[in-house]
Structures are given as C-alpha cells and as structure tokens.
PDB file of N, CA and C in Angstrom:
ATOM      1  N   MET A   1      58.278 252.008 107.179  1.00  0.00           N
ATOM      2  CA  MET A   1      59.190 251.776 108.271  1.00  0.00           C
ATOM      3  C   MET A   1      59.439 250.285 108.420  1.00  0.00           C
ATOM      4  N   ALA A   2      60.694 249.889 108.421  1.00  0.00           N
ATOM      5  CA  ALA A   2      61.052 248.475 108.539  1.00  0.00           C
ATOM      6  C   ALA A   2      60.913 248.030 109.995  1.00  0.00           C
ATOM      7  N   GLN A   3      60.329 246.868 110.141  1.00  0.00           N
ATOM      8  CA  GLN A   3      60.184 246.339 111.498  1.00  0.00           C
ATOM      9  C   GLN A   3      61.477 245.660 111.915  1.00  0.00           C
ATOM     10  N   ARG A   4      61.837 245.898 113.134  1.00  0.00           N
ATOM     11  CA  ARG A   4      63.044 245.304 113.684  1.00  0.00           C
ATOM     12  C   ARG A   4      62.694 243.958 114.305  1.00  0.00           C
ATOM     13  N   LYS A   5      63.356 242.926 113.833  1.00  0.00           N
ATOM     14  CA  LYS A   5      63.100 241.584 114.354  1.00  0.00           C
ATOM     15  C   LYS A   5      64.049 241.319 115.520  1.00  0.00           C
ATOM     16  N   GLU A   6      63.459 241.002 116.661  1.00  0.00           N
ATOM     17  CA  GLU A   6      64.270 240.709 117.845  1.00  0.00           C
ATOM     18  C   GLU A   6      64.905 239.335 117.732  1.00  0.00           C
ATOM     19  N   HIS A   7      66.134 239.253 118.230  1.00  0.00           N
ATOM     20  CA  HIS A   7      66.804 237.958 118.275  1.00  0.00           C
ATOM     21  C   HIS A   7      66.194 237.150 119.412  1.00  0.00           C
ATOM     22  N   ARG A   8      65.649 236.004 119.086  1.00  0.00           N
ATOM     23  CA  ARG A   8      65.019 235.156 120.090  1.00  0.00           C
ATOM     24  C   ARG A   8      65.710 233.804 120.107  1.00  0.00           C
ATOM     25  N   LEU A   9      65.954 233.318 121.302  1.00  0.00           N
ATOM     26  CA  LEU A   9      66.625 232.027 121.465  1.00  0.00           C
ATOM     27  C   LEU A   9      65.696 230.887 121.048  1.00  0.00           C
ATOM     28  N   PRO A  10      66.249 229.768 120.588  1.00  0.00           N
ATOM     29  CA  PRO A  10      65.416 228.604 120.267  1.00  0.00           C
ATOM     30  C   PRO A  10      64.711 228.079 121.522  1.00  0.00           C
ATOM     31  N   LEU A  11      63.630 227.367 121.301  1.00  0.00           N
ATOM     32  CA  LEU A  11      62.817 226.868 122.412  1.00  0.00           C
ATOM     33  C   LEU A  11      63.612 225.980 123.349  1.00  0.00           C
ATOM     34  N   TRP A  12      64.427 225.058 122.798  1.00  0.00           N
ATOM     35  CA  TRP A  12      65.178 224.144 123.668  1.00  0.00           C
ATOM     36  C   TRP A  12      66.159 224.897 124.558  1.00  0.00           C
ATOM     37  N   GLU A  13      66.747 225.975 124.022  1.00  0.00           N
ATOM     38  CA  GLU A  13      67.699 226.757 124.815  1.00  0.00           C
ATOM     39  C   GLU A  13      66.981 227.545 125.910  1.00  0.00           C
ATOM     40  N   ARG A  14      65.821 228.102 125.582  1.00  0.00           N
ATOM     41  CA  ARG A  14      65.040 228.807 126.610  1.00  0.00           C
ATOM     42  C   ARG A  14      64.576 227.864 127.701  1.00  0.00           C
ATOM     43  N   MET A  15      64.237 226.603 127.333  1.00  0.00           N
ATOM     44  CA  MET A  15      63.796 225.636 128.338  1.00  0.00           C
ATOM     45  C   MET A  15      64.941 225.258 129.279  1.00  0.00           C
ATOM     46  N   ILE A  16      66.148 225.109 128.730  1.00  0.00           N
ATOM     47  CA  ILE A  16      67.303 224.780 129.582  1.00  0.00           C
ATOM     48  C   ILE A  16      67.606 225.936 130.526  1.00  0.00           C
ATOM     49  N   TYR A  17      67.574 227.164 130.012  1.00  0.00           N
ATOM     50  CA  TYR A  17      67.883 228.328 130.848  1.00  0.00           C
ATOM     51  C   TYR A  17      66.801 228.597 131.884  1.00  0.00           C
ATOM     52  N   ALA A  18      65.608 228.040 131.701  1.00  0.00           N
ATOM     53  CA  ALA A  18      64.515 228.254 132.649  1.00  0.00           C
ATOM     54  C   ALA A  18      64.606 227.344 133.876  1.00  0.00           C
ATOM     55  N   ILE A  19      65.465 226.331 133.855  1.00  0.00           N
ATOM     56  CA  ILE A  19      65.639 225.461 135.019  1.00  0.00           C
ATOM     57  C   ILE A  19      66.280 226.308 136.115  1.00  0.00           C
ATOM     58  N   PRO A  20      65.692 226.347 137.317  1.00  0.00           N
ATOM     59  CA  PRO A  20      66.106 227.326 138.310  1.00  0.00           C
ATOM     60  C   PRO A  20      67.587 227.419 138.629  1.00  0.00           C
ATOM     61  N   LEU A  21      68.270 226.396 138.992  1.00  0.00           N
ATOM     62  CA  LEU A  21      69.664 226.545 139.405  1.00  0.00           C
ATOM     63  C   LEU A  21      70.639 226.168 138.298  1.00  0.00           C
ATOM     64  N   ILE A  22      70.446 225.017 137.706  1.00  0.00           N
ATOM     65  CA  ILE A  22      71.364 224.539 136.668  1.00  0.00           C
ATOM     66  C   ILE A  22      71.287 225.433 135.431  1.00  0.00           C
ATOM     67  N   GLY A  23      70.086 225.839 135.055  1.00  0.00           N
ATOM     68  CA  GLY A  23      69.927 226.690 133.874  1.00  0.00           C
ATOM     69  C   GLY A  23      70.623 228.030 134.033  1.00  0.00           C
ATOM     70  N   TRP A  24      70.551 228.602 135.226  1.00  0.00           N
ATOM     71  CA  TRP A  24      71.228 229.880 135.475  1.00  0.00           C
ATOM     72  C   TRP A  24      72.734 229.708 135.376  1.00  0.00           C
ATOM     73  N   MET A  25      73.223 228.589 135.894  1.00  0.00           N
ATOM     74  CA  MET A  25      74.668 228.344 135.844  1.00  0.00           C
ATOM     75  C   MET A  25      75.132 228.142 134.400  1.00  0.00           C
ATOM     76  N   ILE A  26      74.354 227.399 133.610  1.00  0.00           N
ATOM     77  CA  ILE A  26      74.718 227.160 132.210  1.00  0.00           C
ATOM     78  C   ILE A  26      74.680 228.468 131.422  1.00  0.00           C
ATOM     79  N   LYS A  27      73.669 229.290 131.666  1.00  0.00           N
ATOM     80  CA  LYS A  27      73.573 230.586 130.974  1.00  0.00           C
ATOM     81  C   LYS A  27      74.757 231.476 131.348  1.00  0.00           C
ATOM     82  N   ASP A  28      75.176 231.414 132.588  1.00  0.00           N
ATOM     83  CA  ASP A  28      76.322 232.202 133.030  1.00  0.00           C
ATOM     84  C   ASP A  28      77.608 231.712 132.366  1.00  0.00           C
ATOM     85  N   VAL A  29      77.710 230.399 132.152  1.00  0.00           N
ATOM     86  CA  VAL A  29      78.892 229.854 131.467  1.00  0.00           C
ATOM     87  C   VAL A  29      78.899 230.294 130.001  1.00  0.00           C
ATOM     88  N   VAL A  30      77.730 230.255 129.351  1.00  0.00           N
ATOM     89  CA  VAL A  30      77.656 230.578 127.926  1.00  0.00           C
ATOM     90  C   VAL A  30      77.853 232.070 127.676  1.00  0.00           C
ATOM     91  N   TYR A  31      77.210 232.924 128.473  1.00  0.00           N
ATOM     92  CA  TYR A  31      77.222 234.356 128.203  1.00  0.00           C
ATOM     93  C   TYR A  31      78.074 235.171 129.176  1.00  0.00           C
ATOM     94  N   GLY A  32      78.647 234.539 130.185  1.00  0.00           N
ATOM     95  CA  GLY A  32      79.383 235.276 131.210  1.00  0.00           C
ATOM     96  C   GLY A  32      80.876 235.314 130.950  1.00  0.00           C
ATOM     97  N   GLU A  33      81.600 235.485 132.028  1.00  0.00           N
ATOM     98  CA  GLU A  33      83.058 235.562 131.970  1.00  0.00           C
ATOM     99  C   GLU A  33      83.656 234.210 131.569  1.00  0.00           C
ATOM    100  N   PRO A  34      84.846 234.212 130.973  1.00  0.00           N
ATOM    101  CA  PRO A  34      85.474 232.940 130.575  1.00  0.00           C
ATOM    102  C   PRO A  34      85.813 232.025 131.749  1.00  0.00           C
ATOM    103  N   ASP A  35      86.045 232.568 132.927  1.00  0.00           N
ATOM    104  CA  ASP A  35      86.390 231.749 134.093  1.00  0.00           C
ATOM    105  C   ASP A  35      85.184 231.030 134.697  1.00  0.00           C
ATOM    106  N   ASN A  36      83.999 231.343 134.263  1.00  0.00           N
ATOM    107  CA  ASN A  36      82.806 230.743 134.863  1.00  0.00           C
ATOM    108  C   ASN A  36      82.719 229.241 134.629  1.00  0.00           C
ATOM    109  N   ILE A  37      83.345 228.733 133.593  1.00  0.00           N
ATOM    110  CA  ILE A  37      83.310 227.294 133.334  1.00  0.00           C
ATOM    111  C   ILE A  37      83.980 226.532 134.476  1.00  0.00           C
ATOM    112  N   TYR A  38      85.031 227.106 135.054  1.00  0.00           N
ATOM    113  CA  TYR A  38      85.721 226.440 136.158  1.00  0.00           C
ATOM    114  C   TYR A  38      84.848 226.416 137.411  1.00  0.00           C
ATOM    115  N   HIS A  39      84.109 227.471 137.645  1.00  0.00           N
ATOM    116  CA  HIS A  39      83.192 227.506 138.793  1.00  0.00           C
ATOM    117  C   HIS A  39      82.058 226.498 138.597  1.00  0.00           C
ATOM    118  N   PHE A  40      81.572 226.389 137.362  1.00  0.00           N
ATOM    119  CA  PHE A  40      80.514 225.432 137.056  1.00  0.00           C
ATOM    120  C   PHE A  40      80.994 223.998 137.281  1.00  0.00           C
ATOM    121  N   LEU A  41      82.182 223.680 136.772  1.00  0.00           N
ATOM    122  CA  LEU A  41      82.715 222.324 136.942  1.00  0.00           C
ATOM    123  C   LEU A  41      82.994 222.008 138.405  1.00  0.00           C
ATOM    124  N   ALA A  42      83.487 222.982 139.149  1.00  0.00           N
ATOM    125  CA  ALA A  42      83.710 222.774 140.579  1.00  0.00           C
ATOM    126  C   ALA A  42      82.382 222.530 141.299  1.00  0.00           C
ATOM    127  N   GLY A  43      81.351 223.248 140.914  1.00  0.00           N
ATOM    128  CA  GLY A  43      80.031 223.042 141.510  1.00  0.00           C
ATOM    129  C   GLY A  43      79.491 221.653 141.234  1.00  0.00           C
ATOM    130  N   ILE A  44      79.691 221.157 140.015  1.00  0.00           N
ATOM    131  CA  ILE A  44      79.238 219.805 139.675  1.00  0.00           C
ATOM    132  C   ILE A  44      80.007 218.755 140.476  1.00  0.00           C
ATOM    133  N   VAL A  45      81.315 218.931 140.605  1.00  0.00           N
ATOM    134  CA  VAL A  45      82.136 217.980 141.376  1.00  0.00           C
ATOM    135  C   VAL A  45      81.702 217.979 142.843  1.00  0.00           C
ATOM    136  N   PHE A  46      81.497 219.160 143.416  1.00  0.00           N
ATOM    137  CA  PHE A  46      81.078 219.221 144.820  1.00  0.00           C
ATOM    138  C   PHE A  46      79.683 218.661 145.017  1.00  0.00           C
ATOM    139  N   LEU A  47      78.805 218.850 144.030  1.00  0.00           N
ATOM    140  CA  LEU A  47      77.473 218.253 144.115  1.00  0.00           C
ATOM    141  C   LEU A  47      77.569 216.731 144.128  1.00  0.00           C
ATOM    142  N   TRP A  48      78.455 216.178 143.306  1.00  0.00           N
ATOM    143  CA  TRP A  48      78.651 214.734 143.266  1.00  0.00           C
ATOM    144  C   TRP A  48      79.213 214.227 144.597  1.00  0.00           C
ATOM    145  N   ILE A  49      80.120 214.975 145.191  1.00  0.00           N
ATOM    146  CA  ILE A  49      80.658 214.600 146.499  1.00  0.00           C
ATOM    147  C   ILE A  49      79.569 214.634 147.566  1.00  0.00           C
ATOM    148  N   ILE A  50      78.739 215.664 147.545  1.00  0.00           N
ATOM    149  CA  ILE A  50      77.647 215.769 148.519  1.00  0.00           C
ATOM    150  C   ILE A  50      76.661 214.619 148.338  1.00  0.00           C
ATOM    151  N   LEU A  51      76.361 214.271 147.068  1.00  0.00           N
ATOM    152  CA  LEU A  51      75.481 213.125 146.828  1.00  0.00           C
ATOM    153  C   LEU A  51      76.071 211.850 147.420  1.00  0.00           C
ATOM    154  N   GLY A  52      77.387 211.691 147.295  1.00  0.00           N
ATOM    155  CA  GLY A  52      78.039 210.515 147.886  1.00  0.00           C
ATOM    156  C   GLY A  52      77.970 210.513 149.391  1.00  0.00           C
ATOM    157  N   LEU A  53      78.102 211.691 150.002  1.00  0.00           N
ATOM    158  CA  LEU A  53      78.035 211.765 151.458  1.00  0.00           C
ATOM    159  C   LEU A  53      76.621 211.540 151.987  1.00  0.00           C
ATOM    160  N   VAL A  54      75.630 212.041 151.280  1.00  0.00           N
ATOM    161  CA  VAL A  54      74.245 211.933 151.752  1.00  0.00           C
ATOM    162  C   VAL A  54      73.662 210.559 151.462  1.00  0.00           C
ATOM    163  N   PHE A  55      73.847 210.065 150.215  1.00  0.00           N
ATOM    164  CA  PHE A  55      73.201 208.822 149.806  1.00  0.00           C
ATOM    165  C   PHE A  55      74.141 207.622 149.774  1.00  0.00           C
ATOM    166  N   GLY A  56      75.421 207.850 149.992  1.00  0.00           N
ATOM    167  CA  GLY A  56      76.375 206.747 150.008  1.00  0.00           C
ATOM    168  C   GLY A  56      76.743 206.295 148.605  1.00  0.00           C
ATOM    169  N   TYR A  57      76.986 205.011 148.478  1.00  0.00           N
ATOM    170  CA  TYR A  57      77.446 204.427 147.220  1.00  0.00           C
ATOM    171  C   TYR A  57      76.489 204.703 146.046  1.00  0.00           C
ATOM    172  N   PRO A  58      75.156 204.573 146.216  1.00  0.00           N
ATOM    173  CA  PRO A  58      74.259 204.885 145.091  1.00  0.00           C
ATOM    174  C   PRO A  58      74.374 206.339 144.619  1.00  0.00           C
ATOM    175  N   GLY A  59      74.702 207.238 145.515  1.00  0.00           N
ATOM    176  CA  GLY A  59      74.861 208.631 145.130  1.00  0.00           C
ATOM    177  C   GLY A  59      76.056 208.872 144.231  1.00  0.00           C
ATOM    178  N   ILE A  60      77.016 207.964 144.265  1.00  0.00           N
ATOM    179  CA  ILE A  60      78.184 208.059 143.384  1.00  0.00           C
ATOM    180  C   ILE A  60      77.934 207.308 142.079  1.00  0.00           C
ATOM    181  N   ILE A  61      77.320 206.142 142.168  1.00  0.00           N
ATOM    182  CA  ILE A  61      77.165 205.267 141.015  1.00  0.00           C
ATOM    183  C   ILE A  61      76.070 205.729 140.061  1.00  0.00           C
ATOM    184  N   ILE A  62      74.927 206.163 140.560  1.00  0.00           N
ATOM    185  CA  ILE A  62      73.795 206.505 139.682  1.00  0.00           C
ATOM    186  C   ILE A  62      74.127 207.666 138.736  1.00  0.00           C
ATOM    187  N   PRO A  63      74.753 208.771 139.188  1.00  0.00           N
ATOM    188  CA  PRO A  63      75.146 209.790 138.204  1.00  0.00           C
ATOM    189  C   PRO A  63      76.148 209.268 137.174  1.00  0.00           C
ATOM    190  N   ALA A  64      77.044 208.383 137.584  1.00  0.00           N
ATOM    191  CA  ALA A  64      77.998 207.807 136.635  1.00  0.00           C
ATOM    192  C   ALA A  64      77.283 206.946 135.600  1.00  0.00           C
ATOM    193  N   LEU A  65      76.261 206.212 136.021  1.00  0.00           N
ATOM    194  CA  LEU A  65      75.500 205.403 135.064  1.00  0.00           C
ATOM    195  C   LEU A  65      74.741 206.274 134.071  1.00  0.00           C
ATOM    196  N   PHE A  66      74.247 207.415 134.526  1.00  0.00           N
ATOM    197  CA  PHE A  66      73.553 208.317 133.615  1.00  0.00           C
ATOM    198  C   PHE A  66      74.514 208.958 132.613  1.00  0.00           C
ATOM    199  N   LEU A  67      75.784 209.080 132.961  1.00  0.00           N
ATOM    200  CA  LEU A  67      76.773 209.665 132.054  1.00  0.00           C
ATOM    201  C   LEU A  67      77.355 208.649 131.075  1.00  0.00           C
ATOM    202  N   THR A  68      77.062 207.376 131.249  1.00  0.00           N
ATOM    203  CA  THR A  68      77.618 206.334 130.394  1.00  0.00           C
ATOM    204  C   THR A  68      77.304 206.542 128.911  1.00  0.00           C
ATOM    205  N   PRO A  69      76.056 206.853 128.504  1.00  0.00           N
ATOM    206  CA  PRO A  69      75.809 207.080 127.071  1.00  0.00           C
ATOM    207  C   PRO A  69      76.614 208.259 126.512  1.00  0.00           C
ATOM    208  N   LEU A  70      76.819 209.291 127.304  1.00  0.00           N
ATOM    209  CA  LEU A  70      77.614 210.432 126.841  1.00  0.00           C
ATOM    210  C   LEU A  70      79.064 210.023 126.601  1.00  0.00           C
ATOM    211  N   ILE A  71      79.620 209.250 127.493  1.00  0.00           N
ATOM    212  CA  ILE A  71      81.000 208.790 127.339  1.00  0.00           C
ATOM    213  C   ILE A  71      81.118 207.854 126.135  1.00  0.00           C
ATOM    214  N   LEU A  72      80.145 206.964 125.948  1.00  0.00           N
ATOM    215  CA  LEU A  72      80.165 206.066 124.800  1.00  0.00           C
ATOM    216  C   LEU A  72      80.102 206.856 123.497  1.00  0.00           C
ATOM    217  N   PHE A  73      79.239 207.851 123.435  1.00  0.00           N
ATOM    218  CA  PHE A  73      79.134 208.707 122.248  1.00  0.00           C
ATOM    219  C   PHE A  73      80.438 209.449 121.991  1.00  0.00           C
ATOM    220  N   THR A  74      81.080 209.934 123.052  1.00  0.00           N
ATOM    221  CA  THR A  74      82.359 210.627 122.909  1.00  0.00           C
ATOM    222  C   THR A  74      83.436 209.682 122.376  1.00  0.00           C
ATOM    223  N   LEU A  75      83.458 208.452 122.871  1.00  0.00           N
ATOM    224  CA  LEU A  75      84.442 207.485 122.383  1.00  0.00           C
ATOM    225  C   LEU A  75      84.215 207.149 120.907  1.00  0.00           C
ATOM    226  N   VAL A  76      82.957 207.057 120.497  1.00  0.00           N
ATOM    227  CA  VAL A  76      82.660 206.803 119.074  1.00  0.00           C
ATOM    228  C   VAL A  76      83.138 207.976 118.223  1.00  0.00           C
ATOM    229  N   LEU A  77      82.908 209.217 118.681  1.00  0.00           N
ATOM    230  CA  LEU A  77      83.367 210.381 117.931  1.00  0.00           C
ATOM    231  C   LEU A  77      84.884 210.423 117.837  1.00  0.00           C
ATOM    232  N   ILE A  78      85.571 210.081 118.919  1.00  0.00           N
ATOM    233  CA  ILE A  78      87.029 210.077 118.901  1.00  0.00           C
ATOM    234  C   ILE A  78      87.549 209.005 117.945  1.00  0.00           C
ATOM    235  N   SER A  79      86.938 207.844 117.952  1.00  0.00           N
ATOM    236  CA  SER A  79      87.429 206.748 117.120  1.00  0.00           C
ATOM    237  C   SER A  79      87.170 206.985 115.626  1.00  0.00           C
ATOM    238  N   ARG A  80      86.171 207.808 115.297  1.00  0.00           N
ATOM    239  CA  ARG A  80      85.909 208.129 113.891  1.00  0.00           C
ATOM    240  C   ARG A  80      86.973 209.046 113.309  1.00  0.00           C
ATOM    241  N   GLY A  81      87.669 209.768 114.153  1.00  0.00           N
ATOM    242  CA  GLY A  81      88.757 210.626 113.703  1.00  0.00           C
ATOM    243  C   GLY A  81      88.288 211.955 113.445  1.00  0.00           C
TER     244      GLY A  81
END
C-alpha cells in the first residue's frame, strides 16, 4: 500500500500564518476570495491612520522608514528592466 504524502506548507509560511491578526489576513488574501486583497490594503491604510492619530508624527514616519528598503529594492528591480 502506497503511503499518501500530505502537502505541508514551508516553515516560513506557517510562521507567517501563525501571527494572530496579520497572519490570518495574509492567509485569507492568499487562499480566499479575490476581493480580499482590497480589504487587506484598506485595513493597512486605516491602521496607519490610527497610528498617526494615536502617536502623532512618529506614528506616520516610523512605518514609512521601515518600508524604505522595500521601496529601494523595488526601484532597483524596475531599473534592471
């Protein structure tokens, strides 16, 4: 009798999906309805607005500083063609 091998997600993907709120949202975007990406992006934008309201200027600037390497990497990929 041949053993059936279960499809198992890679460790890094299981770790991301295990994060309580963000991981559930990302898993829903990947495996859910196609419209879920818009709900996810709206949630991120509203979270950024709430951070600005609660913490003021640092709440707006610090997430932008953390995104700087991602934007730089994207610009390098675009410029390579």
